C-alpha atoms as a PDB file:
ATOM      1  CA  UNK A   1      95.902  93.434 147.123  1.00  0.00           C
ATOM      2  CA  UNK A   2      92.913  91.096 146.898  1.00  0.00           C
ATOM      3  CA  UNK A   3      90.310  92.003 144.292  1.00  0.00           C
ATOM      4  CA  UNK A   4      86.929  90.242 144.203  1.00  0.00           C
ATOM      5  CA  UNK A   5      86.554  89.162 140.585  1.00  0.00           C
ATOM      6  CA  UNK A   6      83.266  87.270 140.166  1.00  0.00           C
ATOM      7  CA  UNK A   7      80.912  84.638 141.505  1.00  0.00           C
ATOM      8  CA  UNK A   8      82.252  81.206 140.613  1.00  0.00           C
ATOM      9  CA  UNK A   9      79.199  79.198 141.606  1.00  0.00           C
ATOM     10  CA  UNK A  10      76.421  78.953 144.151  1.00  0.00           C
ATOM     11  CA  UNK A  11      73.639  76.769 145.479  1.00  0.00           C
ATOM     12  CA  UNK A  12      70.185  77.317 147.011  1.00  0.00           C
ATOM     13  CA  UNK A  13      69.064  75.253 150.010  1.00  0.00           C
ATOM     14  CA  UNK A  14      65.935  74.895 152.124  1.00  0.00           C
ATOM     15  CA  UNK A  15      67.305  75.101 155.679  1.00  0.00           C
ATOM     16  CA  UNK A  16      63.995  73.816 157.078  1.00  0.00           C
ATOM     17  CA  UNK A  17      64.450  70.576 155.098  1.00  0.00           C
ATOM     18  CA  UNK A  18      67.962  69.678 156.336  1.00  0.00           C
ATOM     19  CA  UNK A  19      69.582  71.941 153.738  1.00  0.00           C
ATOM     20  CA  UNK A  20      67.865  70.220 150.839  1.00  0.00           C
ATOM     21  CA  UNK A  21      69.197  71.436 147.481  1.00  0.00           C
ATOM     22  CA  UNK A  22      66.384  73.279 145.683  1.00  0.00           C
ATOM     23  CA  UNK A  23      67.644  73.241 142.105  1.00  0.00           C
ATOM     24  CA  UNK A  24      69.636  75.132 139.505  1.00  0.00           C
ATOM     25  CA  UNK A  25      68.934  78.787 140.187  1.00  0.00           C
ATOM     26  CA  UNK A  26      69.964  82.427 140.130  1.00  0.00           C
ATOM     27  CA  UNK A  27      69.115  84.808 142.950  1.00  0.00           C
ATOM     28  CA  UNK A  28      68.200  88.499 143.045  1.00  0.00           C
ATOM     29  CA  UNK A  29      69.274  89.627 146.512  1.00  0.00           C
ATOM     30  CA  UNK A  30      67.211  92.214 148.374  1.00  0.00           C
ATOM     31  CA  UNK A  31      67.703  95.908 147.863  1.00  0.00           C
ATOM     32  CA  UNK A  32      68.264  97.156 151.421  1.00  0.00           C
ATOM     33  CA  UNK A  33      66.673 100.572 151.729  1.00  0.00           C
ATOM     34  CA  UNK A  34      66.376 102.654 154.877  1.00  0.00           C
ATOM     35  CA  UNK A  35      63.274 104.548 155.884  1.00  0.00           C
ATOM     36  CA  UNK A  36      64.012 108.257 155.449  1.00  0.00           C
ATOM     37  CA  UNK A  37      62.272 111.416 156.494  1.00  0.00           C
ATOM     38  CA  UNK A  38      62.573 114.896 155.025  1.00  0.00           C
ATOM     39  CA  UNK A  39      63.951 117.561 157.312  1.00  0.00           C
ATOM     40  CA  UNK A  40      63.336 121.226 156.472  1.00  0.00           C
ATOM     41  CA  UNK A  41      62.497 124.395 158.293  1.00  0.00           C
ATOM     42  CA  UNK A  42      63.700 127.692 159.738  1.00  0.00           C
ATOM     43  CA  UNK A  43      67.448 127.981 160.241  1.00  0.00           C
ATOM     44  CA  UNK A  44      68.286 125.648 157.325  1.00  0.00           C
ATOM     45  CA  UNK A  45      69.392 126.711 153.889  1.00  0.00           C
ATOM     46  CA  UNK A  46      67.664 123.803 152.204  1.00  0.00           C
ATOM     47  CA  UNK A  47      66.170 120.374 152.695  1.00  0.00           C
ATOM     48  CA  UNK A  48      67.865 117.158 153.718  1.00  0.00           C
ATOM     49  CA  UNK A  49      66.893 113.587 154.491  1.00  0.00           C
ATOM     50  CA  UNK A  50      67.283 111.873 157.826  1.00  0.00           C
ATOM     51  CA  UNK A  51      68.004 108.151 157.497  1.00  0.00           C
ATOM     52  CA  UNK A  52      66.687 105.883 160.251  1.00  0.00           C
ATOM     53  CA  UNK A  53      67.978 102.414 161.221  1.00  0.00           C
ATOM     54  CA  UNK A  54      64.697 100.965 159.973  1.00  0.00           C
ATOM     55  CA  UNK A  55      64.458  99.194 156.619  1.00  0.00           C
ATOM     56  CA  UNK A  56      61.697  99.246 154.074  1.00  0.00           C
ATOM     57  CA  UNK A  57      60.023  96.036 152.998  1.00  0.00           C
ATOM     58  CA  UNK A  58      62.626  93.534 151.783  1.00  0.00           C
ATOM     59  CA  UNK A  59      62.120  90.923 149.064  1.00  0.00           C
ATOM     60  CA  UNK A  60      64.320  88.608 147.089  1.00  0.00           C
ATOM     61  CA  UNK A  61      63.668  86.426 144.074  1.00  0.00           C
ATOM     62  CA  UNK A  62      64.895  82.965 143.176  1.00  0.00           C
ATOM     63  CA  UNK A  63      64.898  82.162 139.451  1.00  0.00           C
ATOM     64  CA  UNK A  64      64.906  78.429 138.706  1.00  0.00           C
ATOM     65  CA  UNK A  65      65.780  77.193 135.232  1.00  0.00           C
ATOM     66  CA  UNK A  66      62.956  74.652 135.430  1.00  0.00           C
ATOM     67  CA  UNK A  67      60.421  73.589 138.003  1.00  0.00           C
ATOM     68  CA  UNK A  68      62.061  71.171 140.434  1.00  0.00           C
ATOM     69  CA  UNK A  69      60.626  68.619 142.821  1.00  0.00           C
ATOM     70  CA  UNK A  70      60.641  71.042 145.756  1.00  0.00           C
ATOM     71  CA  UNK A  71      60.994  74.521 144.248  1.00  0.00           C
ATOM     72  CA  UNK A  72      57.216  75.022 144.186  1.00  0.00           C
ATOM     73  CA  UNK A  73      57.115  74.335 147.959  1.00  0.00           C
ATOM     74  CA  UNK A  74      58.502  77.830 148.552  1.00  0.00           C
ATOM     75  CA  UNK A  75      54.976  79.066 147.809  1.00  0.00           C
ATOM     76  CA  UNK A  76      53.458  77.119 150.713  1.00  0.00           C
ATOM     77  CA  UNK A  77      51.896  79.439 153.331  1.00  0.00           C
ATOM     78  CA  UNK A  78      54.104  80.079 156.333  1.00  0.00           C
ATOM     79  CA  UNK A  79      57.694  81.007 156.920  1.00  0.00           C
ATOM     80  CA  UNK A  80      60.770  79.245 155.582  1.00  0.00           C
ATOM     81  CA  UNK A  81      64.484  79.646 156.008  1.00  0.00           C
ATOM     82  CA  UNK A  82      66.453  79.615 152.769  1.00  0.00           C
ATOM     83  CA  UNK A  83      70.222  79.603 152.497  1.00  0.00           C
ATOM     84  CA  UNK A  84      72.288  80.556 149.473  1.00  0.00           C
ATOM     85  CA  UNK A  85      75.967  79.683 149.430  1.00  0.00           C
ATOM     86  CA  UNK A  86      78.313  81.109 146.863  1.00  0.00           C
ATOM     87  CA  UNK A  87      82.013  81.073 146.098  1.00  0.00           C
ATOM     88  CA  UNK A  88      83.754  84.240 144.900  1.00  0.00           C
ATOM     89  CA  UNK A  89      86.850  84.257 142.775  1.00  0.00           C
ATOM     90  CA  UNK A  90      89.414  86.643 144.231  1.00  0.00           C
ATOM     91  CA  UNK A  91      92.499  87.855 142.415  1.00  0.00           C
ATOM     92  CA  UNK A  92      95.740  88.594 144.266  1.00  0.00           C
ATOM     93  CA  UNK A  93      97.474  91.399 142.362  1.00  0.00           C
ATOM     94  CA  UNK A  94     100.785  90.689 144.125  1.00  0.00           C
ATOM     95  CA  UNK A  95     101.114  87.028 143.097  1.00  0.00           C
ATOM     96  CA  UNK A  96     102.237  85.731 139.716  1.00  0.00           C
ATOM     97  CA  UNK A  97      99.406  83.206 139.480  1.00  0.00           C
ATOM     98  CA  UNK A  98      96.969  85.911 140.471  1.00  0.00           C
ATOM     99  CA  UNK A  99      94.159  83.803 141.866  1.00  0.00           C
ATOM    100  CA  UNK A 100      93.474  82.852 145.474  1.00  0.00           C
ATOM    101  CA  UNK A 101      91.286  80.170 146.979  1.00  0.00           C
ATOM    102  CA  UNK A 102      87.562  80.919 146.596  1.00  0.00           C
ATOM    103  CA  UNK A 103      86.008  83.132 149.268  1.00  0.00           C
ATOM    104  CA  UNK A 104      82.736  81.767 150.701  1.00  0.00           C
ATOM    105  CA  UNK A 105      79.745  84.114 150.878  1.00  0.00           C
ATOM    106  CA  UNK A 106      76.615  82.841 152.591  1.00  0.00           C
ATOM    107  CA  UNK A 107      73.159  84.409 152.724  1.00  0.00           C
ATOM    108  CA  UNK A 108      70.376  83.421 155.104  1.00  0.00           C
ATOM    109  CA  UNK A 109      66.804  84.513 154.462  1.00  0.00           C
ATOM    110  CA  UNK A 110      63.751  84.009 156.693  1.00  0.00           C
ATOM    111  CA  UNK A 111      60.984  84.279 154.179  1.00  0.00           C
ATOM    112  CA  UNK A 112      57.288  84.215 153.463  1.00  0.00           C
ATOM    113  CA  UNK A 113      55.853  83.655 149.979  1.00  0.00           C
ATOM    114  CA  UNK A 114      54.738  86.564 147.807  1.00  0.00           C
ATOM    115  CA  UNK A 115      54.331  85.088 144.342  1.00  0.00           C
ATOM    116  CA  UNK A 116      55.210  82.113 142.174  1.00  0.00           C
ATOM    117  CA  UNK A 117      55.782  82.539 138.446  1.00  0.00           C
ATOM    118  CA  UNK A 118      55.552  79.120 136.806  1.00  0.00           C
ATOM    119  CA  UNK A 119      57.410  80.385 133.754  1.00  0.00           C
ATOM    120  CA  UNK A 120      56.947  79.355 130.175  1.00  0.00           C
ATOM    121  CA  UNK A 121      57.115  76.134 128.224  1.00  0.00           C
ATOM    122  CA  UNK A 122      59.267  76.484 125.133  1.00  0.00           C
ATOM    123  CA  UNK A 123      61.034  73.474 123.569  1.00  0.00           C
ATOM    124  CA  UNK A 124      64.757  73.454 124.286  1.00  0.00           C
ATOM    125  CA  UNK A 125      64.631  76.508 126.582  1.00  0.00           C
ATOM    126  CA  UNK A 126      64.750  77.073 130.312  1.00  0.00           C
ATOM    127  CA  UNK A 127      61.358  77.450 131.950  1.00  0.00           C
ATOM    128  CA  UNK A 128      62.291  80.615 133.905  1.00  0.00           C
ATOM    129  CA  UNK A 129      60.356  79.672 137.026  1.00  0.00           C
ATOM    130  CA  UNK A 130      60.603  82.377 139.673  1.00  0.00           C
ATOM    131  CA  UNK A 131      59.410  82.928 143.186  1.00  0.00           C
ATOM    132  CA  UNK A 132      59.484  86.233 145.028  1.00  0.00           C
ATOM    133  CA  UNK A 133      59.757  85.977 148.796  1.00  0.00           C
ATOM    134  CA  UNK A 134      59.242  88.607 151.478  1.00  0.00           C
ATOM    135  CA  UNK A 135      61.936  88.806 154.146  1.00  0.00           C
ATOM    136  CA  UNK A 136      61.773  89.250 157.901  1.00  0.00           C
ATOM    137  CA  UNK A 137      65.461  88.386 158.339  1.00  0.00           C
ATOM    138  CA  UNK A 138      68.458  88.841 156.058  1.00  0.00           C
ATOM    139  CA  UNK A 139      71.933  87.744 157.175  1.00  0.00           C
ATOM    140  CA  UNK A 140      75.106  87.832 155.088  1.00  0.00           C
ATOM    141  CA  UNK A 141      78.438  86.185 155.914  1.00  0.00           C
ATOM    142  CA  UNK A 142      81.599  87.070 153.984  1.00  0.00           C
ATOM    143  CA  UNK A 143      84.499  84.643 154.400  1.00  0.00           C
ATOM    144  CA  UNK A 144      82.932  83.268 157.599  1.00  0.00           C
ATOM    145  CA  UNK A 145      82.311  86.678 159.218  1.00  0.00           C
ATOM    146  CA  UNK A 146      78.799  88.067 159.669  1.00  0.00           C
ATOM    147  CA  UNK A 147      78.731  91.431 157.887  1.00  0.00           C
ATOM    148  CA  UNK A 148      74.982  92.225 157.763  1.00  0.00           C
ATOM    149  CA  UNK A 149      72.069  91.154 159.927  1.00  0.00           C
ATOM    150  CA  UNK A 150      68.660  92.754 159.551  1.00  0.00           C
ATOM    151  CA  UNK A 151      65.901  91.249 161.695  1.00  0.00           C
ATOM    152  CA  UNK A 152      62.778  93.345 161.306  1.00  0.00           C
ATOM    153  CA  UNK A 153      60.626  91.628 163.931  1.00  0.00           C
ATOM    154  CA  UNK A 154      63.330  91.531 166.611  1.00  0.00           C
ATOM    155  CA  UNK A 155      64.684  95.056 166.068  1.00  0.00           C
ATOM    156  CA  UNK A 156      68.179  94.192 164.830  1.00  0.00           C
ATOM    157  CA  UNK A 157      70.095  96.348 162.341  1.00  0.00           C
ATOM    158  CA  UNK A 158      73.675  95.148 162.476  1.00  0.00           C
ATOM    159  CA  UNK A 159      76.338  96.163 159.975  1.00  0.00           C
ATOM    160  CA  UNK A 160      79.736  94.656 160.731  1.00  0.00           C
ATOM    161  CA  UNK A 161      80.151  94.427 164.491  1.00  0.00           C
ATOM    162  CA  UNK A 162      77.755  97.257 165.388  1.00  0.00           C
ATOM    163  CA  UNK A 163      74.018  96.896 165.994  1.00  0.00           C
ATOM    164  CA  UNK A 164      72.580 100.338 165.247  1.00  0.00           C
ATOM    165  CA  UNK A 165      69.211  99.413 166.815  1.00  0.00           C
ATOM    166  CA  UNK A 166      70.720  98.418 170.197  1.00  0.00           C
ATOM    167  CA  UNK A 167      70.654 101.939 171.726  1.00  0.00           C
ATOM    168  CA  UNK A 168      67.089 102.436 170.487  1.00  0.00           C
ATOM    169  CA  UNK A 169      66.025  99.096 171.942  1.00  0.00           C
ATOM    170  CA  UNK A 170      67.727 100.006 175.256  1.00  0.00           C
ATOM    171  CA  UNK A 171      65.863 103.334 175.339  1.00  0.00           C
ATOM    172  CA  UNK A 172      62.599 101.465 174.790  1.00  0.00           C
ATOM    173  CA  UNK A 173      63.384  98.834 177.433  1.00  0.00           C
ATOM    174  CA  UNK A 174      63.526  96.051 174.844  1.00  0.00           C
ATOM    175  CA  UNK A 175      66.224  93.452 175.379  1.00  0.00           C
END
């Protein structure tokens, strides 16, 4: 059995600048949250929530250890495409050596700036520069296979191979 163990390493790139490396960073991925509605009334013995294939506002944050030549450019007005590539360590419980080749995980974000925290200046410490970005598109690939694609403006809500917005879009005459 293959067990994902941990993130080995990763890198942050600006896809709009020919995949320019943006610096040493950590990333807080978005919390994907569906829009829900309360359902209650006659004939029910309680209340429940109905989950819709519509997501709430998505954000993610990049934390840079120090300000870099281009990390501040993420705060420029307009949209950007950012890509984060990571390598996961996977353990094979059936092999003596235990470890397998790293599994690639790739994230694509179409973003717009929300805020830029220029961090602190403290001798011998990281600067903790951070930028929070709003998302219109979030795509995740696991080992080369697309596993999530949320595209708010184009009505896409795909998990695995199924787009849960497709029948809604068909009903609305949207292709």
